[in-house]
Protein backbone atom coordinates (compact mmCIF):
# COMPACT_ATOMS: atom_id res chain seq x y z
CA UNK A 1 -18.39 19.22 -18.54
CA UNK A 2 -21.58 18.00 -16.70
CA UNK A 3 -22.14 15.64 -19.04
CA UNK A 4 -18.62 13.81 -19.20
CA UNK A 5 -18.68 13.74 -15.29
CA UNK A 6 -21.88 12.11 -15.63
CA UNK A 7 -20.62 9.78 -18.25
CA UNK A 8 -17.08 8.77 -16.12
CA UNK A 9 -19.09 8.56 -13.05
CA UNK A 10 -21.64 6.16 -14.32
CA UNK A 11 -19.09 4.12 -16.51
CA UNK A 12 -16.96 3.89 -13.10
CA UNK A 13 -19.84 2.90 -11.00
CA UNK A 14 -21.93 0.84 -13.36
CA UNK A 15 -19.76 -0.97 -15.74
CA UNK A 16 -16.37 -1.59 -13.88
CA UNK A 17 -17.99 -2.63 -10.75
CA UNK A 18 -21.28 -4.34 -12.22
CA UNK A 19 -21.44 -6.89 -9.68
CA UNK A 20 -24.13 -8.51 -7.11
CA UNK A 21 -26.64 -8.95 -10.04
CA UNK A 22 -29.40 -11.37 -9.68
CA UNK A 23 -28.23 -14.34 -11.47
CA UNK A 24 -32.25 -15.05 -12.34
CA UNK A 25 -32.27 -11.71 -13.93
CA UNK A 26 -32.85 -11.41 -17.68
CA UNK A 27 -30.29 -9.66 -19.38
CA UNK A 28 -30.47 -6.33 -21.43
CA UNK A 29 -31.27 -7.11 -25.13
CA UNK A 30 -29.65 -5.13 -28.22
CA UNK A 31 -29.49 -5.32 -31.88
CA UNK A 32 -27.44 -2.75 -34.34
CA UNK A 33 -27.56 -2.00 -37.84
CA UNK A 34 -24.79 0.18 -39.73
CA UNK A 35 -26.02 2.59 -42.53
CA UNK A 36 -23.53 4.98 -44.56
CA UNK A 37 -21.37 4.50 -41.60
CA UNK A 38 -24.26 5.67 -38.84
CA UNK A 39 -24.16 3.27 -36.14
CA UNK A 40 -27.70 2.72 -34.42
CA UNK A 41 -27.56 0.21 -31.37
CA UNK A 42 -31.32 -0.01 -30.29
CA UNK A 43 -32.24 -2.38 -26.94
CA UNK A 44 -34.79 -3.27 -24.31
CA UNK A 45 -34.58 -3.16 -20.66
CA UNK A 46 -36.61 -6.30 -19.40
CA UNK A 47 -39.34 -5.87 -16.89
CA UNK A 48 -38.35 -2.15 -16.85
CA UNK A 49 -41.39 -0.20 -14.75
CA UNK A 50 -39.72 3.27 -14.74
CA UNK A 51 -37.35 5.04 -16.70
CA UNK A 52 -32.90 3.88 -16.30
CA UNK A 53 -29.46 5.41 -17.35
CA UNK A 54 -28.35 3.62 -19.88
CA UNK A 55 -24.24 3.33 -20.77
CA UNK A 56 -22.53 2.24 -24.05
CA UNK A 57 -18.82 1.80 -24.42
CA UNK A 58 -17.52 0.80 -27.73
CA UNK A 59 -13.64 -0.34 -27.45
CA UNK A 60 -11.27 -2.57 -28.99
CA UNK A 61 -11.17 -5.44 -26.65
CA UNK A 62 -13.32 -5.53 -23.56
CA UNK A 63 -11.09 -8.03 -21.46
CA UNK A 64 -7.99 -5.74 -22.23
CA UNK A 65 -9.73 -2.50 -21.82
CA UNK A 66 -7.64 0.93 -21.76
CA UNK A 67 -8.03 4.29 -21.97
CA UNK A 68 -6.42 4.08 -25.22
CA UNK A 69 -8.64 1.46 -26.78
CA UNK A 70 -11.90 3.12 -25.82
CA UNK A 71 -13.63 4.06 -29.17
CA UNK A 72 -16.85 5.49 -27.88
CA UNK A 73 -18.61 6.19 -24.42
CA UNK A 74 -22.12 7.74 -24.20
CA UNK A 75 -25.03 7.72 -21.68
CA UNK A 76 -28.63 7.89 -22.25
CA UNK A 77 -32.29 7.59 -20.71
CA UNK A 78 -34.50 4.75 -21.85
CA UNK A 79 -38.23 5.01 -22.01
CA UNK A 80 -40.45 4.11 -18.85
CA UNK A 81 -41.08 0.57 -20.55
CA UNK A 82 -37.29 0.04 -21.13
CA UNK A 83 -36.73 1.13 -24.78
CA UNK A 84 -33.38 3.03 -25.59
CA UNK A 85 -31.09 3.57 -28.68
CA UNK A 86 -27.71 4.99 -29.27
CA UNK A 87 -27.12 6.65 -32.82
CA UNK A 88 -23.43 7.21 -33.36
CA UNK A 89 -20.20 7.46 -35.51
CA UNK A 90 -16.91 6.35 -35.37
CA UNK A 91 -14.96 8.95 -37.31
CA UNK A 92 -11.31 7.35 -36.26
CA UNK A 93 -12.27 3.64 -37.25
CA UNK A 94 -11.04 2.10 -40.62
CA UNK A 95 -13.32 0.25 -42.89
CA UNK A 96 -13.07 -3.46 -41.85
CA UNK A 97 -12.04 -3.01 -38.10
CA UNK A 98 -14.09 -4.82 -35.52
CA UNK A 99 -14.96 -3.44 -32.15
CA UNK A 100 -17.07 -4.91 -29.26
CA UNK A 101 -19.30 -3.43 -27.25
CA UNK A 102 -21.30 -3.52 -23.55
CA UNK A 103 -24.43 -1.85 -22.41
CA UNK A 104 -25.64 -1.49 -18.74
CA UNK A 105 -27.92 0.32 -17.15
CA UNK A 106 -28.98 1.38 -13.11
CA UNK A 107 -31.46 -1.34 -13.63
CA UNK A 108 -31.10 -4.62 -12.16
CA UNK A 109 -30.51 -6.24 -15.49
CA UNK A 110 -27.34 -7.93 -16.86
CA UNK A 111 -25.43 -6.05 -19.05
CA UNK A 112 -25.29 -6.63 -22.91
CA UNK A 113 -22.33 -7.72 -24.88
CA UNK A 114 -22.04 -7.30 -28.69
CA UNK A 115 -19.85 -7.09 -31.83
CA UNK A 116 -19.71 -4.35 -34.42
CA UNK A 117 -18.27 -5.51 -37.71
CA UNK A 118 -17.50 -2.37 -39.83
CA UNK A 119 -16.56 -4.74 -42.70
CA UNK A 120 -19.24 -3.65 -44.98
CA UNK A 121 -18.64 0.35 -44.62
CA UNK A 122 -17.88 2.46 -47.59
CA UNK A 123 -15.55 5.22 -47.60
CA UNK A 124 -17.02 6.67 -50.46
CA UNK A 125 -15.13 9.87 -51.29
CA UNK A 126 -14.41 10.74 -47.45
CA UNK A 127 -10.71 11.18 -48.57
CA UNK A 128 -11.73 14.49 -50.39
CA UNK A 129 -13.22 16.22 -47.72
CA UNK A 130 -12.02 18.36 -44.75
CA UNK A 131 -13.26 20.05 -41.61
CA UNK A 132 -13.02 23.27 -40.99
CA UNK A 133 -13.80 25.55 -37.51
CA UNK A 134 -13.80 28.52 -36.03
CA UNK A 135 -14.76 29.23 -32.31
CA UNK A 136 -16.55 32.23 -30.72
CA UNK A 137 -16.25 32.52 -26.62
CA UNK A 138 -18.67 35.10 -25.09
CA UNK A 139 -18.42 34.94 -21.34
CA UNK A 140 -19.29 31.60 -20.29
CA UNK A 141 -21.02 30.65 -23.82
CA UNK A 142 -18.78 28.64 -26.13
CA UNK A 143 -20.04 28.60 -29.94
CA UNK A 144 -17.96 26.59 -32.44
CA UNK A 145 -19.21 26.56 -36.08
CA UNK A 146 -17.98 24.49 -38.61
CA UNK A 147 -18.32 23.04 -42.23
CA UNK A 148 -17.38 19.78 -44.08
CA UNK A 149 -16.43 20.58 -47.70
CA UNK A 150 -18.05 18.70 -50.40
CA UNK A 151 -20.29 17.42 -48.14
CA UNK A 152 -23.60 15.27 -49.29
CA UNK A 153 -26.44 13.94 -47.05
CA UNK A 154 -26.40 14.91 -43.32
CA UNK A 155 -23.29 13.56 -42.00
CA UNK A 156 -22.70 12.84 -38.02
CA UNK A 157 -20.37 15.19 -36.32
CA UNK A 158 -18.66 14.77 -33.14
CA UNK A 159 -16.93 17.13 -30.39
CA UNK A 160 -15.01 16.43 -28.30
CA UNK A 161 -13.16 19.24 -25.78
CA UNK A 162 -10.31 18.36 -23.08
CA UNK A 163 -7.13 19.36 -21.53
CA UNK A 164 -4.67 17.97 -23.53
CA UNK A 165 -5.36 15.90 -26.56
CA UNK A 166 -1.99 14.21 -26.75
CA UNK A 167 -2.42 12.80 -23.04
CA UNK A 168 -5.93 13.17 -22.32
CA UNK A 169 -7.84 11.14 -19.84
CA UNK A 170 -11.76 10.78 -18.79
CA UNK A 171 -11.12 13.12 -15.86
CA UNK A 172 -9.73 15.91 -18.11
CA UNK A 173 -13.04 15.81 -20.77
CA UNK A 174 -14.62 19.08 -20.45
CA UNK A 175 -17.06 18.65 -22.81
CA UNK A 176 -18.56 15.50 -26.00
CA UNK A 177 -21.37 15.92 -27.92
CA UNK A 178 -22.88 14.53 -31.07
CA UNK A 179 -24.75 16.92 -34.09
CA UNK A 180 -25.82 16.21 -37.31
CA UNK A 181 -24.82 18.49 -40.15
CA UNK A 182 -27.09 20.29 -42.58
CA UNK A 183 -27.15 19.16 -46.46
CA UNK A 184 -24.32 22.14 -47.09
CA UNK A 185 -22.32 20.37 -44.38
CA UNK A 186 -22.16 23.45 -41.70
CA UNK A 187 -22.69 22.49 -38.02
CA UNK A 188 -22.30 24.33 -34.85
CA UNK A 189 -22.03 23.37 -31.11
CA UNK A 190 -23.13 25.66 -28.34
CA UNK A 191 -22.11 24.79 -25.02
CA UNK A 192 -21.66 26.41 -21.33
CA UNK A 193 -18.35 26.01 -19.60
CA UNK A 194 -18.21 25.44 -15.67
CA UNK A 195 -16.58 27.70 -13.41
CA UNK A 196 -13.65 26.05 -13.44
CA UNK A 197 -12.68 26.42 -16.64
CA UNK A 198 -12.15 29.78 -16.47
CA UNK A 199 -8.64 31.59 -17.38
CA UNK A 200 -7.55 28.55 -19.17
CA UNK A 201 -7.06 27.10 -23.17
CA UNK A 202 -8.55 23.83 -23.61
CA UNK A 203 -7.87 21.51 -27.05
CA UNK A 204 -10.84 19.91 -29.18
CA UNK A 205 -11.23 18.14 -32.22
CA UNK A 206 -14.15 17.36 -34.41
CA UNK A 207 -14.56 14.49 -36.40
CA UNK A 208 -17.25 13.25 -38.70
CA UNK A 209 -18.58 10.00 -40.05
CA UNK A 210 -18.09 11.30 -43.56
CA UNK A 211 -14.43 11.98 -44.14
CA UNK A 212 -11.27 10.76 -42.55
CA UNK A 213 -10.01 14.41 -41.70
CA UNK A 214 -10.38 15.35 -38.22
CA UNK A 215 -9.94 18.94 -37.40
CA UNK A 216 -8.20 19.95 -33.76
CA UNK A 217 -8.23 23.36 -32.51
CA UNK A 218 -7.89 25.71 -29.44
CA UNK A 219 -10.54 27.41 -26.95
CA UNK A 220 -9.57 30.33 -24.55
CA UNK A 221 -11.60 30.71 -21.92
CA UNK A 222 -11.37 34.55 -20.41
CA UNK A 223 -11.35 35.09 -16.97
CA UNK A 224 -14.33 34.66 -14.73
CA UNK A 225 -16.24 37.85 -14.99
CA UNK A 226 -17.56 37.63 -11.25
CA UNK A 227 -14.10 37.17 -9.80
CA UNK A 228 -11.26 39.19 -9.72
CA UNK A 229 -6.85 38.78 -8.37
CA UNK A 230 -6.48 40.59 -5.65
CA UNK A 231 -2.94 41.46 -4.43
CA UNK A 232 -2.42 40.25 -0.65
CA UNK A 233 1.51 40.76 -0.48
CA UNK A 234 4.46 42.01 -2.38
CA UNK A 235 7.94 41.76 -1.49
CA UNK A 236 10.57 43.07 -2.74
CA UNK A 237 13.84 42.46 -1.28
CA UNK A 238 17.69 41.86 -2.02
CA UNK A 239 19.97 39.22 -0.73
CA UNK A 240 23.39 40.06 -0.11
CA UNK A 241 25.89 37.59 0.76
CA UNK A 242 29.50 39.46 2.06
CA UNK A 243 32.44 36.83 3.00
CA UNK A 244 30.06 33.97 3.07
CA UNK A 245 27.36 35.88 5.55
CA UNK A 246 24.15 36.47 3.82
CA UNK A 247 21.54 39.12 4.56
CA UNK A 248 17.79 40.29 3.38
CA UNK A 249 16.75 43.81 3.02
CA UNK A 250 13.80 44.91 1.41
CA UNK A 251 10.23 46.05 1.69
CA UNK A 252 6.90 43.74 2.10
CA UNK A 253 3.52 44.97 1.79
CA UNK A 254 0.62 43.43 3.02
CA UNK A 255 -2.60 43.64 1.97
CA UNK A 256 -5.85 45.03 3.79
CA UNK A 257 -6.86 42.65 6.34
CA UNK A 258 -3.80 40.34 5.34
CA UNK A 259 -1.12 39.54 7.99
CA UNK A 260 2.57 38.06 6.96
CA UNK A 261 4.78 36.06 9.13
CA UNK A 262 8.35 35.67 8.90
CA UNK A 263 10.37 33.29 11.08
CA UNK A 264 13.97 32.18 10.93
CA UNK A 265 14.98 29.03 13.12
CA UNK A 266 18.37 27.73 13.84
CA UNK A 267 17.35 23.99 13.61
CA UNK A 268 20.53 22.36 14.67
CA UNK A 269 20.81 24.54 18.07
CA UNK A 270 16.61 25.14 17.90
CA UNK A 271 17.21 28.76 18.26
CA UNK A 272 14.42 31.14 17.04
CA UNK A 273 16.74 34.06 14.98
CA UNK A 274 14.03 36.22 13.91
CA UNK A 275 10.15 35.76 14.18
CA UNK A 276 8.00 39.12 12.93
CA UNK A 277 4.34 39.20 11.78
CA UNK A 278 3.48 42.39 9.52
CA UNK A 279 0.39 43.81 8.93
CA UNK A 280 -1.62 46.05 6.52
CA UNK A 281 1.02 48.33 4.78
CA UNK A 282 4.47 48.66 3.72
CA UNK A 283 7.23 47.50 5.90
CA UNK A 284 11.02 47.45 5.78
CA UNK A 285 12.70 44.14 6.82
CA UNK A 286 16.13 42.92 7.36
CA UNK A 287 17.36 39.82 8.57
CA UNK A 288 21.20 38.49 9.05
CA UNK A 289 21.83 34.68 8.24
CA UNK A 290 24.94 33.26 10.45
CA UNK A 291 27.77 32.33 7.94
CA UNK A 292 27.27 29.62 5.47
CA UNK A 293 30.56 28.07 6.40
CA UNK A 294 28.87 27.72 9.77
CA UNK A 295 27.50 23.92 9.44
CA UNK A 296 24.29 25.39 10.95
CA UNK A 297 21.09 24.32 9.79
CA UNK A 298 18.28 26.81 9.13
CA UNK A 299 14.35 26.92 8.20
CA UNK A 300 12.76 30.25 6.82
CA UNK A 301 8.80 30.05 7.59
CA UNK A 302 7.03 32.97 5.60
CA UNK A 303 3.17 32.11 5.69
CA UNK A 304 0.68 34.86 4.35
CA UNK A 305 -2.81 34.69 6.30
CA UNK A 306 -6.08 36.38 6.07
CA UNK A 307 -7.35 35.84 9.58
CA UNK A 308 -9.49 32.76 8.56
CA UNK A 309 -6.84 30.52 6.53
CA UNK A 310 -3.64 30.36 5.27
CA UNK A 311 -3.30 31.50 2.01
CA UNK A 312 0.57 30.74 1.37
CA UNK A 313 3.09 28.88 3.38
CA UNK A 314 6.81 28.51 2.30
CA UNK A 315 9.03 26.15 4.24
CA UNK A 316 12.82 26.12 3.45
CA UNK A 317 15.14 24.27 5.05
CA UNK A 318 18.69 25.99 4.46
CA UNK A 319 21.54 22.69 4.97
CA UNK A 320 24.98 24.18 3.86
CA UNK A 321 27.66 21.32 3.24
CA UNK A 322 31.59 21.96 2.81
CA UNK A 323 31.37 22.58 -0.91
CA UNK A 324 27.67 23.50 -1.49
CA UNK A 325 24.29 24.67 0.05
CA UNK A 326 21.36 22.71 -0.48
CA UNK A 327 17.82 24.34 -0.44
CA UNK A 328 14.52 22.32 0.00
CA UNK A 329 11.16 22.63 1.46
CA UNK A 330 8.03 22.93 -0.11
CA UNK A 331 4.90 25.85 -0.42
CA UNK A 332 1.64 25.06 0.34
CA UNK A 333 -1.01 27.08 -2.04
CA UNK A 334 -4.58 27.39 -0.91
CA UNK A 335 -7.18 27.01 -3.57
CA UNK A 336 -7.85 30.46 -5.71
CA UNK A 337 -4.16 31.76 -4.75
CA UNK A 338 -1.18 32.29 -7.05
CA UNK A 339 2.40 33.54 -6.28
CA UNK A 340 4.50 35.31 -8.91
CA UNK A 341 8.24 35.03 -8.46
CA UNK A 342 11.26 36.57 -10.09
CA UNK A 343 15.36 36.05 -8.66
CA UNK A 344 17.89 37.89 -10.72
CA UNK A 345 21.46 38.46 -9.99
CA UNK A 346 22.75 41.98 -9.64
CA UNK A 347 25.14 43.15 -12.12
CA UNK A 348 25.82 40.01 -13.53
CA UNK A 349 23.89 37.32 -15.78
CA UNK A 350 24.29 34.41 -13.17
CA UNK A 351 20.38 34.10 -12.42
CA UNK A 352 17.54 35.28 -14.05
CA UNK A 353 14.71 32.97 -13.64
CA UNK A 354 10.44 33.53 -12.76
CA UNK A 355 7.70 31.71 -12.20
CA UNK A 356 4.42 31.11 -11.16
CA UNK A 357 3.01 28.69 -8.74
CA UNK A 358 -0.53 28.18 -8.14
CA UNK A 359 -0.51 24.64 -6.53
CA UNK A 360 1.50 23.25 -3.77
CA UNK A 361 4.84 21.57 -4.53
CA UNK A 362 7.96 20.58 -3.35
CA UNK A 363 11.15 23.04 -3.36
CA UNK A 364 14.92 21.30 -4.06
CA UNK A 365 18.12 22.98 -5.49
CA UNK A 366 21.57 22.55 -4.70
CA UNK A 367 23.87 25.64 -4.76
CA UNK A 368 27.61 25.17 -5.11
CA UNK A 369 29.08 26.71 -1.93
CA UNK A 370 31.99 28.83 -3.53
CA UNK A 371 29.93 32.16 -4.04
CA UNK A 372 32.07 33.95 -1.24
CA UNK A 373 30.02 37.79 -2.29
CA UNK A 374 27.15 38.04 -4.52
CA UNK A 375 23.78 40.06 -4.69
CA UNK A 376 20.46 38.86 -5.78
CA UNK A 377 17.01 40.81 -5.94
CA UNK A 378 14.13 39.08 -5.35
CA UNK A 379 10.16 39.78 -5.88
CA UNK A 380 7.27 37.60 -4.74
CA UNK A 381 3.74 38.69 -5.83
CA UNK A 382 0.83 36.87 -3.94
CA UNK A 383 -2.90 37.03 -5.95
CA UNK A 384 -6.18 35.73 -4.60
CA UNK A 385 -9.06 35.09 -6.60
CA UNK A 386 -11.73 36.37 -5.07
CA UNK A 387 -15.51 37.90 -5.53
CA UNK A 388 -15.88 40.73 -7.48
CA UNK A 389 -16.61 43.68 -4.84
CA UNK A 390 -19.35 46.30 -5.38
CA UNK A 391 -18.88 48.75 -7.63
CA UNK A 392 -20.14 51.11 -5.50
CA UNK A 393 -17.92 50.89 -2.66
CA UNK A 394 -15.97 53.71 -1.15
CA UNK A 395 -12.33 53.50 -1.80
CA UNK A 396 -10.67 55.85 0.94
CA UNK A 397 -7.36 56.65 2.23
CA UNK A 398 -6.01 59.52 4.64
CA UNK A 399 -2.45 60.83 4.57
CA UNK A 400 -1.12 63.36 7.32
CA UNK A 401 1.47 65.94 6.25
CA UNK A 402 3.92 67.69 8.76
CA UNK A 403 5.66 70.88 8.11
CA UNK A 404 6.29 74.71 8.73
CA UNK A 405 4.89 77.48 6.95
CA UNK A 406 6.17 77.87 3.45
CA UNK A 407 7.28 74.49 3.06
CA UNK A 408 6.22 72.36 -0.02
CA UNK A 409 5.79 68.37 0.09
CA UNK A 410 4.13 65.86 -2.34
CA UNK A 411 1.17 63.60 -1.81
CA UNK A 412 1.35 60.46 -3.55
CA UNK A 413 -2.17 59.16 -4.40
CA UNK A 414 -2.07 55.40 -4.64
CA UNK A 415 -4.73 52.84 -5.42
CA UNK A 416 -4.74 49.47 -4.36
CA UNK A 417 -6.69 46.74 -5.72
CA UNK A 418 -8.86 48.85 -8.26
CA UNK A 419 -10.86 46.88 -10.68
CA UNK A 420 -12.02 49.94 -12.71
CA UNK A 421 -10.79 53.33 -14.11
CA UNK A 422 -14.26 54.50 -14.39
CA UNK A 423 -14.44 55.67 -10.78
CA UNK A 424 -13.86 59.56 -10.28
CA UNK A 425 -11.38 59.91 -7.36
CA UNK A 426 -11.55 63.17 -5.14
CA UNK A 427 -9.03 64.72 -3.12
CA UNK A 428 -10.10 66.95 -0.14
CA UNK A 429 -7.88 69.35 2.12
CA UNK A 430 -7.99 72.07 4.39
CA UNK A 431 -7.61 75.03 2.74
CA UNK A 432 -6.53 76.88 5.68
CA UNK A 433 -3.72 74.85 6.53
CA UNK A 434 -2.15 73.90 2.63
CA UNK A 435 -2.21 74.70 -0.78
CA UNK A 436 -1.95 72.97 -4.16
CA UNK A 437 1.37 73.86 -5.85
CA UNK A 438 0.98 71.40 -8.82
CA UNK A 439 -2.00 69.23 -9.86
CA UNK A 440 0.48 67.06 -11.83
CA UNK A 441 3.52 66.32 -9.52
CA UNK A 442 4.90 63.36 -12.36
CA UNK A 443 5.87 66.07 -14.31
CA UNK A 444 8.66 68.99 -14.18
CA UNK A 445 6.40 71.66 -15.08
CA UNK A 446 3.97 72.77 -11.88
CA UNK A 447 0.69 73.33 -13.28
CA UNK A 448 -2.71 74.18 -11.51
CA UNK A 449 -4.77 74.25 -15.01
CA UNK A 450 -7.96 71.96 -15.45
CA UNK A 451 -7.07 69.30 -18.19
CA UNK A 452 -5.15 66.20 -19.37
CA UNK A 453 -1.35 65.56 -19.03
CA UNK A 454 -0.30 62.17 -19.58
CA UNK A 455 -2.87 59.79 -18.07
CA UNK A 456 -4.13 61.95 -15.65
CA UNK A 457 -7.59 64.19 -15.97
CA UNK A 458 -8.33 66.86 -13.66
CA UNK A 459 -11.69 67.46 -13.65
CA UNK A 460 -12.46 70.11 -11.25
CA UNK A 461 -10.67 72.41 -8.59
CA UNK A 462 -12.11 74.42 -5.49
CA UNK A 463 -10.88 75.01 -2.46
CA UNK A 464 -10.65 72.07 -0.14
CA UNK A 465 -11.74 69.58 -3.43
CA UNK A 466 -9.98 68.35 -6.39
CA UNK A 467 -11.64 65.96 -8.54
CA UNK A 468 -9.50 63.79 -10.98
CA UNK A 469 -9.50 60.70 -12.85
CA UNK A 470 -7.34 58.09 -14.45
CA UNK A 471 -7.42 57.92 -18.11
CA UNK A 472 -6.00 55.76 -21.27
CA UNK A 473 -5.25 52.94 -18.58
CA UNK A 474 -5.91 49.53 -19.31
CA UNK A 475 -6.75 46.89 -16.99
CA UNK A 476 -5.50 42.99 -17.26
CA UNK A 477 -8.55 41.12 -17.38
CA UNK A 478 -9.21 39.58 -14.35
CA UNK A 479 -6.57 41.38 -12.12
CA UNK A 480 -6.97 44.25 -9.80
CA UNK A 481 -4.58 47.15 -10.43
CA UNK A 482 -2.16 48.64 -7.51
CA UNK A 483 0.26 51.56 -8.15
CA UNK A 484 0.22 55.25 -8.41
CA UNK A 485 -2.92 57.22 -9.29
CA UNK A 486 -1.17 60.92 -9.42
CA UNK A 487 1.25 62.71 -7.85
CA UNK A 488 -0.03 66.34 -6.19
CA UNK A 489 2.46 68.98 -4.56
CA UNK A 490 1.36 71.26 -1.83
CA UNK A 491 2.67 73.75 0.46
CA UNK A 492 1.84 74.95 3.72
CA UNK A 493 0.32 78.42 4.15
CA UNK A 494 2.41 81.26 5.29
CA UNK A 495 0.48 82.04 8.43
CA UNK A 496 0.16 77.78 9.32
CA UNK A 497 2.69 75.13 10.70
CA UNK A 498 1.95 71.16 12.04
CA UNK A 499 -0.02 68.72 10.53
CA UNK A 500 -2.58 68.48 7.89
CA UNK A 501 -4.63 65.80 6.95
CA UNK A 502 -5.39 65.01 3.27
CA UNK A 503 -8.72 62.24 2.32
CA UNK A 504 -8.74 60.71 -0.94
CA UNK A 505 -12.11 59.10 -1.76
CA UNK A 506 -14.17 57.71 -5.04
């Protein structure tokens, strides 16, 4: 990635904008040779006193250069005396082709322009050779091994990695390099990916001067091991329309240190219908909008915030017309934030859509205003990619139960944004107030036995303390887990009524 960025940046700065050169300066001198398809371009920067960066560009037509007709682009460093050399191949070039090239540098010397004539090149038995490759990704290290069948000599191999081979541009070049294969035709490329490449799939192509065949493959880079996606908001609501009157009801859960602000404004009359700020925890929400037949315009603004910045801002303008409802607006997504959304019509197959939003975008849809009654289920989950927290940080929860002597109750031991199931959890309680009835409350049969049932393992039980863990549970790489760890059943002792506090920590 660094090499491609340097090449592109230098190309823009030193080739396309090479102006203001002293007219009396002596130009860069070049010479080239072509041997068995391998091109050597040697040159000299005149009057050089230090090393300079040198850029070579080969294309079909320098005067009408486009991204599509660039054949080769590379950068090297000259010696202190100004000497440099480029050794490369043009795997896609046909014998007899003629190309133009230009060489520039960060010195004051004017550019060198030349011509590459491949009319003397020899295909040999290139049509009988093929390239095969395998990919091995280990963290941020990528190893591509390959082989050229029926290879002779030491052919040159080129590798290009980018976002999309069909529509690639210089900004999307992730890695480019050239290597020499061994006598048996085997070769390999080893490189390190940048942080921005984690969690994505890239395409690559490998070509050689010894054959026409070009190998095309893909590289899947896993999620960043130093970062994890934490859930900061989870909304689960129903949108019901009764006699053209829409209402919204359900739950919204905010993560630790996060807030969600929900604002509904009648923009026709400039009246705030509702404004509510939800903090950490689970909240029941209920809103009702005026009839879709009222002709009033409304705006719905939902903002997820972590105190320092807005993680996601959703702005929706609702414009009811005579025969339709126009919904337009936009969603602004902060860096390292994604939103998963799903909407499904209840009891019908009218709507069933899922979408993941990872960048800011516009929203625009028109709904026929003929649905006097309907019900829809909407879920929205927001994730923030953050640095992995230290493994020894304590995860602690507190539950307060109220009841009378002899009454039974359940404790749902929930886990929020867990990044490892290697933790052992401890439930602590006051044995003078309450006693356990079942250690496996998810199941019908009560049991106080130590052991395994389902994905729960009870490690030890003593008065006031229960140790347990989650087993046979896999985490999705790069995602934190939120859900139910276990359910415990307790009862108030015969001689106690009132409140009792239960703690869970790792």
